[in-house]
């Protein structure tokens, strides 16, 4: 439903998203109301975090993200990971208002990735808007998220992949890879162990191309997080070695933009931006309450919230006429310019470095080089036999010689699992004696993070592997046995 508003919207009390006539305020409230309407229509979902994080997510996309909605697969795009996958309607609303085009069979079409009708099908069987975002199912979703903390781990893998691609393929005068990875996470992510493992490794690896935005609303399903979670998250991340920044009010988009600039300026440390918010901000009776976390607001509360936002109270799935053009003039124009410049650069790179360009073509398309398996040894029948981990290591090294983007490691078990690639450097910052072009990874005793990180690397077209003892697979299944 597209509508024109005859009267200007007022900014709700306390909001700092813009003046009453500011189109940014209009876009933010469009996202909020789409979230409320979709969850209410489905009679199921999580409206609260999506409502309170609308200013943050919109500002990131509209003013900072390097992303072209008309080319969702552009290799050097910034990545946005919604680790709080239960707040999926926030991402779906963004995909719609940003005008992201549908990708079908690897090709971009002229169709919208998500229409208003798709939003109306939220959480319905077979829809493009399932309860949690699914990679490959909905264009614009960069990774599948649902189990909290897994998206955080995926984003570390993405940041690693960007560093590796830049180290191997960037050449003087040809900076092909220099993008940033942003992750929106919440209190649940901070409690899950996988995010702690991933954060620790990200700091050690000096992933300055990674920013986590932590929605600190201090509410979980059981009520206040104080029933189980009272630690100082800022001090914990500072101890890891992260740059920690704080936003006192999630509606303060001006300060948020300054913090994003600080995050980009810090190139040796990952950044955590702690954004303090009120869950379901704007809802007169449910804001700040656990009831806004995992259930619809209720028809009357939706009506009163729209009244508070000076939104047409009887409207459903309303998208004002000015919203999509405004997003096209911001995110769309900036992303298209960056993508066009990158494509021209890559065309010149193809002439100057044809071999490397051919490898990148294969990575982007998910194909393997001809003869990748030519050196795999044969093992004759032998009563004594060869230990499977020994033969596995031999095969791994045989393939690695012909597949340069095969890379990976073990959770501190490489001597036992035989997963070290011979003659290759370790993926490490220079101060630890390695290189970002290294193909041997040391995940440390962090099996959960390893599974999530490897999935994030795979999303870039690399061929990563992680290794551990078989028994560990039982508690890694949710992170590594499923597609990313």
Protein backbone atom coordinates (compact mmCIF):
# COMPACT_ATOMS: atom_id res chain seq x y z
CA UNK A 1 0.00 0.00 0.00
CA UNK A 2 1.49 3.32 -1.05
CA UNK A 3 0.04 6.49 0.40
CA UNK A 4 0.74 10.20 0.31
CA UNK A 5 0.59 12.02 3.63
CA UNK A 6 -1.28 15.29 3.45
CA UNK A 7 0.07 16.46 6.80
CA UNK A 8 3.73 16.36 7.85
CA UNK A 9 4.80 13.69 10.30
CA UNK A 10 5.95 14.89 13.67
CA UNK A 11 9.02 13.32 15.20
CA UNK A 12 7.96 11.42 18.36
CA UNK A 13 9.03 12.97 21.63
CA UNK A 14 12.67 12.25 22.34
CA UNK A 15 13.47 11.17 18.80
CA UNK A 16 16.49 12.63 17.11
CA UNK A 17 15.96 11.09 13.69
CA UNK A 18 15.13 14.42 12.08
CA UNK A 19 12.66 17.27 12.03
CA UNK A 20 8.95 16.83 11.40
CA UNK A 21 9.40 17.20 7.65
CA UNK A 22 12.62 15.21 7.44
CA UNK A 23 12.30 12.29 4.97
CA UNK A 24 14.56 10.23 7.23
CA UNK A 25 11.88 10.33 9.94
CA UNK A 26 9.33 9.22 7.37
CA UNK A 27 11.49 6.25 6.32
CA UNK A 28 12.20 5.19 9.90
CA UNK A 29 8.53 5.23 10.81
CA UNK A 30 7.67 3.36 7.61
CA UNK A 31 9.99 0.58 8.72
CA UNK A 32 8.49 0.59 12.22
CA UNK A 33 4.92 0.38 10.98
CA UNK A 34 5.70 -2.32 8.40
CA UNK A 35 7.19 -4.38 11.23
CA UNK A 36 4.13 -3.91 13.44
CA UNK A 37 1.69 -4.67 10.62
CA UNK A 38 3.48 -7.80 9.43
CA UNK A 39 3.81 -9.32 12.89
CA UNK A 40 0.21 -8.45 13.72
CA UNK A 41 -1.00 -9.86 10.40
CA UNK A 42 0.85 -13.13 11.04
CA UNK A 43 -0.21 -13.12 14.70
CA UNK A 44 3.34 -14.26 15.37
CA UNK A 45 6.81 -12.75 15.48
CA UNK A 46 9.14 -10.40 17.29
CA UNK A 47 8.27 -6.71 16.80
CA UNK A 48 10.12 -5.03 19.67
CA UNK A 49 13.78 -5.10 18.65
CA UNK A 50 12.93 -4.34 15.03
CA UNK A 51 10.95 -1.26 16.08
CA UNK A 52 13.63 0.12 18.38
CA UNK A 53 16.47 -0.58 15.95
CA UNK A 54 14.74 1.01 12.94
CA UNK A 55 16.67 4.32 13.30
CA UNK A 56 20.00 2.49 13.59
CA UNK A 57 19.42 0.09 10.70
CA UNK A 58 17.97 2.74 8.40
CA UNK A 59 20.79 5.20 9.09
CA UNK A 60 23.44 2.54 8.46
CA UNK A 61 21.88 1.55 5.15
CA UNK A 62 20.96 4.99 3.88
CA UNK A 63 24.09 6.89 4.90
CA UNK A 64 26.97 4.45 5.32
CA UNK A 65 26.47 1.05 3.66
CA UNK A 66 28.23 0.59 0.31
CA UNK A 67 25.60 -1.53 -1.40
CA UNK A 68 23.86 -1.31 -4.76
CA UNK A 69 20.25 -2.57 -4.57
CA UNK A 70 20.28 -3.13 -8.34
CA UNK A 71 23.31 -5.45 -8.05
CA UNK A 72 22.87 -7.48 -4.83
CA UNK A 73 25.76 -9.84 -5.70
CA UNK A 74 28.41 -7.16 -6.36
CA UNK A 75 31.55 -8.72 -4.82
CA UNK A 76 32.90 -5.63 -3.02
CA UNK A 77 29.62 -4.66 -1.36
CA UNK A 78 29.51 -4.08 2.36
CA UNK A 79 27.89 -6.97 4.23
CA UNK A 80 25.03 -6.54 6.68
CA UNK A 81 24.36 -9.48 9.02
CA UNK A 82 21.23 -9.57 11.17
CA UNK A 83 22.47 -11.85 13.93
CA UNK A 84 19.26 -11.19 15.87
CA UNK A 85 17.42 -13.26 13.27
CA UNK A 86 14.18 -13.20 15.24
CA UNK A 87 13.92 -9.50 14.27
CA UNK A 88 13.70 -10.58 10.64
CA UNK A 89 10.96 -8.10 9.75
CA UNK A 90 13.49 -5.30 10.23
CA UNK A 91 15.59 -6.77 7.44
CA UNK A 92 12.60 -7.53 5.23
CA UNK A 93 11.31 -3.97 5.59
CA UNK A 94 14.76 -2.63 4.70
CA UNK A 95 14.98 -4.86 1.64
CA UNK A 96 11.63 -3.53 0.46
CA UNK A 97 12.19 0.20 1.01
CA UNK A 98 15.75 -0.03 -0.38
CA UNK A 99 14.39 -1.42 -3.63
CA UNK A 100 16.64 -4.47 -3.75
CA UNK A 101 16.08 -6.45 -6.94
CA UNK A 102 15.32 -10.14 -7.08
CA UNK A 103 18.13 -12.56 -7.98
CA UNK A 104 16.98 -15.75 -9.70
CA UNK A 105 19.39 -18.51 -10.77
CA UNK A 106 22.29 -16.16 -10.13
CA UNK A 107 20.91 -13.37 -12.35
CA UNK A 108 19.46 -10.02 -11.30
CA UNK A 109 15.93 -9.38 -12.54
CA UNK A 110 13.81 -6.23 -12.69
CA UNK A 111 11.47 -7.61 -10.03
CA UNK A 112 11.63 -6.40 -6.41
CA UNK A 113 13.17 -8.88 -4.02
CA UNK A 114 10.29 -8.27 -1.62
CA UNK A 115 6.99 -6.62 -2.49
CA UNK A 116 4.39 -5.41 -0.03
CA UNK A 117 2.49 -8.61 -0.79
CA UNK A 118 5.56 -10.60 0.30
CA UNK A 119 5.62 -8.66 3.57
CA UNK A 120 1.96 -9.57 4.09
CA UNK A 121 3.02 -13.24 3.85
CA UNK A 122 5.44 -12.92 6.78
CA UNK A 123 5.97 -16.25 8.57
CA UNK A 124 3.65 -18.09 6.17
CA UNK A 125 4.64 -21.45 4.73
CA UNK A 126 6.47 -21.12 1.41
CA UNK A 127 6.79 -17.34 1.60
CA UNK A 128 9.89 -15.26 0.87
CA UNK A 129 9.62 -13.83 4.38
CA UNK A 130 10.11 -16.73 6.82
CA UNK A 131 10.35 -16.18 10.55
CA UNK A 132 14.16 -16.13 10.40
CA UNK A 133 16.17 -14.91 7.38
CA UNK A 134 17.45 -17.67 5.09
CA UNK A 135 20.40 -17.25 2.73
CA UNK A 136 19.60 -18.18 -0.85
CA UNK A 137 15.88 -18.02 -0.18
CA UNK A 138 15.43 -14.24 0.10
CA UNK A 139 17.56 -11.87 -1.97
CA UNK A 140 19.29 -9.35 0.29
CA UNK A 141 19.82 -11.85 3.12
CA UNK A 142 23.58 -12.40 3.44
CA UNK A 143 23.47 -15.38 5.80
CA UNK A 144 20.96 -17.62 7.55
CA UNK A 145 20.39 -16.51 11.14
CA UNK A 146 18.29 -17.94 13.89
CA UNK A 147 20.46 -19.54 16.59
CA UNK A 148 21.75 -16.48 18.43
CA UNK A 149 25.48 -15.85 18.17
CA UNK A 150 25.86 -17.75 14.90
CA UNK A 151 25.47 -14.60 12.80
CA UNK A 152 28.21 -12.96 14.85
CA UNK A 153 30.49 -15.88 14.04
CA UNK A 154 29.50 -15.76 10.36
CA UNK A 155 30.45 -12.08 10.23
CA UNK A 156 33.93 -12.84 11.54
CA UNK A 157 34.30 -15.35 8.71
CA UNK A 158 33.18 -12.69 6.24
CA UNK A 159 35.70 -10.20 7.59
CA UNK A 160 38.41 -12.87 7.31
CA UNK A 161 37.41 -13.61 3.71
CA UNK A 162 37.64 -9.92 2.79
CA UNK A 163 41.11 -9.70 4.33
CA UNK A 164 42.26 -12.81 2.48
CA UNK A 165 40.89 -11.72 -0.88
CA UNK A 166 42.47 -8.29 -0.48
CA UNK A 167 45.85 -9.75 0.46
CA UNK A 168 45.89 -12.19 -2.46
CA UNK A 169 44.25 -10.21 -5.25
CA UNK A 170 44.68 -6.49 -4.59
CA UNK A 171 47.54 -5.13 -6.67
CA UNK A 172 49.19 -1.69 -6.89
CA UNK A 173 46.61 0.58 -8.43
CA UNK A 174 43.92 -2.11 -8.15
CA UNK A 175 42.15 -2.14 -4.79
CA UNK A 176 39.43 -4.65 -5.55
CA UNK A 177 38.50 -5.53 -1.96
CA UNK A 178 38.15 -2.92 0.77
CA UNK A 179 34.63 -3.32 2.11
CA UNK A 180 33.28 -3.49 5.66
CA UNK A 181 31.18 -6.06 7.52
CA UNK A 182 28.41 -4.83 9.85
CA UNK A 183 26.50 -7.02 12.28
CA UNK A 184 23.40 -6.15 14.27
CA UNK A 185 23.32 -8.24 17.43
CA UNK A 186 21.53 -8.22 20.78
CA UNK A 187 21.57 -9.33 24.39
CA UNK A 188 21.00 -12.96 23.40
CA UNK A 189 24.05 -12.89 21.11
CA UNK A 190 26.13 -11.51 23.97
CA UNK A 191 25.07 -14.42 26.19
CA UNK A 192 25.80 -17.18 23.66
CA UNK A 193 29.28 -18.66 23.89
CA UNK A 194 29.87 -18.79 20.12
CA UNK A 195 29.90 -14.99 19.90
CA UNK A 196 32.48 -14.79 22.69
CA UNK A 197 34.75 -17.26 20.92
CA UNK A 198 34.37 -15.39 17.63
CA UNK A 199 34.96 -12.00 19.24
CA UNK A 200 38.14 -13.22 20.91
CA UNK A 201 39.56 -14.51 17.63
CA UNK A 202 38.47 -11.38 15.71
CA UNK A 203 40.50 -9.21 18.08
CA UNK A 204 43.55 -11.46 17.83
CA UNK A 205 43.35 -11.31 14.03
CA UNK A 206 42.99 -7.50 14.12
CA UNK A 207 39.89 -7.46 11.95
CA UNK A 208 39.45 -3.71 11.66
CA UNK A 209 36.97 -4.28 8.83
CA UNK A 210 34.34 -5.59 11.27
CA UNK A 211 31.76 -3.66 13.29
CA UNK A 212 29.16 -5.17 15.60
CA UNK A 213 26.22 -2.98 16.63
CA UNK A 214 24.83 -4.26 19.92
CA UNK A 215 21.17 -3.50 20.64
CA UNK A 216 21.30 -3.28 24.41
CA UNK A 217 17.62 -3.22 25.33
CA UNK A 218 18.10 -5.43 28.40
CA UNK A 219 14.97 -7.48 27.70
CA UNK A 220 14.63 -11.19 26.96
CA UNK A 221 11.65 -13.53 26.84
CA UNK A 222 11.73 -14.14 30.59
CA UNK A 223 11.84 -10.43 31.42
CA UNK A 224 14.77 -8.21 32.34
CA UNK A 225 18.15 -9.64 31.40
CA UNK A 226 19.16 -9.03 35.00
CA UNK A 227 17.69 -12.44 35.88
CA UNK A 228 20.73 -14.07 34.23
CA UNK A 229 23.01 -11.47 32.60
CA UNK A 230 24.68 -8.75 34.65
CA UNK A 231 28.22 -8.57 33.27
CA UNK A 232 29.87 -5.43 31.87
CA UNK A 233 29.89 -6.15 28.13
CA UNK A 234 31.92 -3.03 27.33
CA UNK A 235 34.75 -4.09 29.64
CA UNK A 236 34.65 -7.65 28.29
CA UNK A 237 35.11 -6.52 24.70
CA UNK A 238 37.77 -4.00 25.67
CA UNK A 239 39.63 -6.88 27.32
CA UNK A 240 39.40 -8.89 24.09
CA UNK A 241 41.03 -5.99 22.27
CA UNK A 242 38.04 -4.39 20.54
CA UNK A 243 37.37 -0.70 20.14
CA UNK A 244 34.24 -0.10 22.23
CA UNK A 245 31.95 2.86 21.50
CA UNK A 246 28.67 3.77 23.14
CA UNK A 247 25.42 5.29 21.86
CA UNK A 248 23.22 6.40 24.73
CA UNK A 249 20.02 6.64 22.67
CA UNK A 250 19.29 4.48 19.63
CA UNK A 251 17.21 7.37 18.23
CA UNK A 252 20.28 9.63 18.14
CA UNK A 253 21.21 9.02 14.53
CA UNK A 254 23.58 11.99 14.32
CA UNK A 255 25.85 10.60 17.03
CA UNK A 256 25.49 7.12 15.53
CA UNK A 257 26.92 8.38 12.23
CA UNK A 258 29.92 9.79 14.12
CA UNK A 259 30.46 6.42 15.78
CA UNK A 260 30.31 4.63 12.42
CA UNK A 261 33.02 6.99 11.16
CA UNK A 262 35.14 6.13 14.20
CA UNK A 263 34.63 2.43 13.50
CA UNK A 264 35.81 2.80 9.91
CA UNK A 265 38.82 4.88 11.01
CA UNK A 266 40.04 2.12 13.36
CA UNK A 267 41.77 -0.30 11.01
CA UNK A 268 43.48 -2.66 13.46
CA UNK A 269 40.69 -3.41 15.92
CA UNK A 270 37.14 -4.64 15.36
CA UNK A 271 34.57 -2.24 16.81
CA UNK A 272 31.61 -2.82 19.12
CA UNK A 273 29.01 -0.04 19.17
CA UNK A 274 26.74 -0.46 22.20
CA UNK A 275 23.41 1.13 21.31
CA UNK A 276 21.08 1.60 24.27
CA UNK A 277 17.45 1.27 23.24
CA UNK A 278 13.94 0.79 24.57
CA UNK A 279 12.37 -2.32 23.07
CA UNK A 280 9.22 -1.48 21.06
CA UNK A 281 9.97 2.23 21.38
CA UNK A 282 6.83 4.24 20.62
CA UNK A 283 4.34 1.65 21.86
CA UNK A 284 2.45 3.40 24.69
CA UNK A 285 1.83 0.33 26.87
CA UNK A 286 4.41 -2.27 25.76
CA UNK A 287 7.60 -0.26 25.25
CA UNK A 288 10.34 -1.60 27.49
CA UNK A 289 8.42 -4.78 28.33
CA UNK A 290 9.15 -8.45 27.66
CA UNK A 291 5.71 -8.81 26.06
CA UNK A 292 7.03 -6.78 23.09
CA UNK A 293 9.84 -9.24 22.44
CA UNK A 294 8.21 -12.35 21.04
CA UNK A 295 4.55 -11.67 20.39
CA UNK A 296 2.40 -9.23 18.40
CA UNK A 297 1.62 -5.90 20.03
CA UNK A 298 -2.13 -6.41 19.58
CA UNK A 299 -4.44 -4.53 17.26
CA UNK A 300 -5.25 -1.73 19.69
CA UNK A 301 -1.60 -1.23 20.68
CA UNK A 302 -0.64 -1.04 17.00
CA UNK A 303 -3.32 1.59 16.48
CA UNK A 304 -2.14 3.65 19.45
CA UNK A 305 1.49 3.38 18.39
CA UNK A 306 0.62 4.68 14.94
CA UNK A 307 -1.26 7.54 16.57
CA UNK A 308 1.85 8.33 18.62
CA UNK A 309 3.87 8.40 15.38
CA UNK A 310 1.18 10.57 13.72
CA UNK A 311 0.64 7.73 11.25
CA UNK A 312 -2.74 6.93 9.68
CA UNK A 313 -4.21 4.70 12.37
CA UNK A 314 -6.30 2.56 10.02
CA UNK A 315 -3.56 2.06 7.43
CA UNK A 316 -1.92 -1.33 6.86
CA UNK A 317 1.46 -1.87 5.21
CA UNK A 318 1.59 1.80 4.20
CA UNK A 319 4.62 2.98 2.24
CA UNK A 320 4.48 6.74 1.60
CA UNK A 321 5.24 7.88 -1.93
CA UNK A 322 8.45 9.67 -0.90
CA UNK A 323 10.14 6.69 0.78
CA UNK A 324 11.46 4.63 -2.14
CA UNK A 325 12.75 7.63 -4.15
CA UNK A 326 14.52 8.92 -1.05
CA UNK A 327 16.25 5.58 -0.53
CA UNK A 328 17.22 5.46 -4.20
CA UNK A 329 18.78 8.91 -3.92
CA UNK A 330 20.83 7.87 -0.89
CA UNK A 331 21.79 4.22 -0.62
CA UNK A 332 20.94 3.49 -4.26
CA UNK A 333 22.89 6.33 -5.85
CA UNK A 334 25.93 5.88 -3.62
CA UNK A 335 25.97 2.12 -4.14
CA UNK A 336 25.52 2.34 -7.91
CA UNK A 337 28.41 4.79 -8.21
CA UNK A 338 30.71 2.59 -6.14
CA UNK A 339 29.71 -0.56 -8.02
CA UNK A 340 30.15 1.07 -11.45
CA UNK A 341 33.62 2.32 -10.50
CA UNK A 342 34.54 -1.16 -9.21
CA UNK A 343 33.40 -2.85 -12.42
CA UNK A 344 35.52 -0.46 -14.51
CA UNK A 345 38.49 -1.17 -12.24
CA UNK A 346 37.99 -4.92 -12.53
CA UNK A 347 37.84 -4.66 -16.33
CA UNK A 348 41.28 -3.01 -16.30
CA UNK A 349 42.49 -5.56 -13.75
CA UNK A 350 41.44 -8.35 -16.09
CA UNK A 351 43.84 -6.98 -18.73
CA UNK A 352 46.71 -6.35 -16.33
CA UNK A 353 46.33 -9.53 -14.26
CA UNK A 354 44.44 -12.11 -16.35
CA UNK A 355 45.43 -15.15 -14.26
CA UNK A 356 44.22 -13.63 -10.99
CA UNK A 357 41.07 -12.34 -12.68
CA UNK A 358 40.34 -15.87 -13.88
CA UNK A 359 40.66 -17.17 -10.32
CA UNK A 360 38.25 -14.50 -9.10
CA UNK A 361 35.76 -15.43 -11.81
CA UNK A 362 35.83 -19.01 -10.53
CA UNK A 363 35.43 -17.88 -6.92
CA UNK A 364 32.49 -15.64 -7.76
CA UNK A 365 30.78 -18.35 -9.81
CA UNK A 366 31.49 -21.17 -7.37
CA UNK A 367 33.31 -23.25 -9.97
CA UNK A 368 36.50 -25.31 -9.66
CA UNK A 369 39.61 -24.99 -11.82
CA UNK A 370 40.13 -27.63 -14.47
CA UNK A 371 42.21 -30.51 -13.16
CA UNK A 372 41.68 -29.65 -9.50
CA UNK A 373 41.62 -33.36 -8.63
CA UNK A 374 44.49 -34.50 -10.90
CA UNK A 375 46.98 -35.02 -8.06
CA UNK A 376 44.77 -36.94 -5.66
CA UNK A 377 46.66 -40.14 -4.81
CA UNK A 378 45.26 -43.64 -5.26
CA UNK A 379 45.24 -46.02 -2.30
CA UNK A 380 45.54 -49.73 -3.18
CA UNK A 381 43.85 -52.32 -1.05
CA UNK A 382 45.99 -52.94 2.00
CA UNK A 383 45.22 -55.29 4.88
CA UNK A 384 47.05 -53.00 7.27
CA UNK A 385 45.43 -49.89 5.83
CA UNK A 386 46.22 -46.22 6.26
CA UNK A 387 44.80 -44.09 9.03
CA UNK A 388 41.94 -42.04 7.55
CA UNK A 389 43.26 -38.80 9.02
CA UNK A 390 46.62 -39.46 7.34
CA UNK A 391 45.09 -40.14 3.92
CA UNK A 392 42.74 -37.18 4.42
CA UNK A 393 45.71 -34.90 4.98
CA UNK A 394 47.44 -36.22 1.87
CA UNK A 395 44.34 -35.65 -0.26
CA UNK A 396 43.83 -32.19 1.22
CA UNK A 397 47.35 -31.15 0.28
CA UNK A 398 47.02 -32.69 -3.20
CA UNK A 399 43.91 -30.65 -3.89
CA UNK A 400 45.32 -27.49 -2.31
CA UNK A 401 48.13 -27.40 -4.85
CA UNK A 402 45.60 -26.91 -7.66
CA UNK A 403 42.90 -25.01 -5.78
CA UNK A 404 44.45 -21.81 -4.38
CA UNK A 405 41.30 -20.75 -2.56
CA UNK A 406 41.12 -23.96 -0.53
CA UNK A 407 42.05 -22.83 2.97
CA UNK A 408 41.27 -23.63 6.57
CA UNK A 409 42.53 -25.15 9.76
CA UNK A 410 41.69 -26.80 13.02
CA UNK A 411 40.58 -25.98 16.55
CA UNK A 412 44.11 -26.44 17.88
CA UNK A 413 44.32 -29.97 16.48
CA UNK A 414 46.20 -29.67 13.17
CA UNK A 415 49.00 -32.11 14.17
CA UNK A 416 46.34 -34.70 15.02
CA UNK A 417 43.88 -34.06 12.20
CA UNK A 418 46.68 -33.65 9.59
CA UNK A 419 45.06 -30.51 8.21
CA UNK A 420 48.11 -28.29 7.81
CA UNK A 421 48.74 -27.17 4.22
CA UNK A 422 52.43 -27.73 3.55
CA UNK A 423 54.50 -24.76 2.47
CA UNK A 424 51.72 -22.26 3.20
CA UNK A 425 51.76 -19.34 5.62
CA UNK A 426 49.44 -18.93 8.56
CA UNK A 427 46.57 -16.44 8.34
CA UNK A 428 47.80 -14.01 10.96
CA UNK A 429 48.62 -10.32 11.37
CA UNK A 430 52.25 -9.58 10.60
CA UNK A 431 53.06 -9.06 14.27
CA UNK A 432 52.23 -12.72 14.91
CA UNK A 433 54.47 -13.91 12.12
CA UNK A 434 51.90 -14.53 9.42
CA UNK A 435 50.08 -12.89 6.55
CA UNK A 436 46.48 -12.22 5.57
CA UNK A 437 47.27 -14.18 2.41
CA UNK A 438 48.02 -17.26 4.53
CA UNK A 439 45.95 -20.39 4.00
CA UNK A 440 46.55 -22.15 7.32
CA UNK A 441 44.15 -21.04 10.04
CA UNK A 442 44.57 -21.41 13.77
CA UNK A 443 41.12 -21.23 15.35
CA UNK A 444 42.34 -22.07 18.83
CA UNK A 445 40.19 -24.18 21.10
CA UNK A 446 37.04 -22.59 19.69
CA UNK A 447 35.09 -25.31 17.89
CA UNK A 448 31.77 -23.44 17.89
CA UNK A 449 33.27 -20.27 16.44
CA UNK A 450 35.20 -22.31 13.89
CA UNK A 451 31.98 -23.78 12.49
CA UNK A 452 30.30 -20.38 12.22
CA UNK A 453 33.41 -18.64 10.85
CA UNK A 454 33.99 -21.25 8.13
CA UNK A 455 30.38 -20.78 7.00
CA UNK A 456 30.97 -17.04 6.74
CA UNK A 457 34.07 -17.62 4.61
CA UNK A 458 32.15 -19.98 2.34
CA UNK A 459 29.61 -17.25 1.63
CA UNK A 460 32.35 -15.42 -0.28
CA UNK A 461 32.92 -18.33 -2.66
CA UNK A 462 36.07 -19.59 -0.93
CA UNK A 463 36.51 -23.31 -0.18
CA UNK A 464 37.20 -23.33 3.57
CA UNK A 465 37.46 -26.27 5.93
CA UNK A 466 37.53 -26.71 9.67
CA UNK A 467 38.75 -29.79 11.51
CA UNK A 468 38.27 -31.37 14.90
CA UNK A 469 37.74 -34.73 16.54
CA UNK A 470 34.56 -36.55 15.50
CA UNK A 471 32.98 -36.30 18.95
CA UNK A 472 33.04 -32.49 18.70
CA UNK A 473 30.71 -32.65 15.71
CA UNK A 474 27.83 -33.44 18.07
CA UNK A 475 27.81 -29.92 19.49
CA UNK A 476 28.88 -28.20 16.28
CA UNK A 477 26.06 -29.49 14.10
CA UNK A 478 23.90 -26.37 14.37
CA UNK A 479 26.81 -24.18 13.28
CA UNK A 480 28.70 -26.20 10.69
CA UNK A 481 26.63 -29.14 9.47
CA UNK A 482 23.92 -26.94 7.95
CA UNK A 483 24.27 -24.67 4.92
CA UNK A 484 25.26 -21.09 5.80
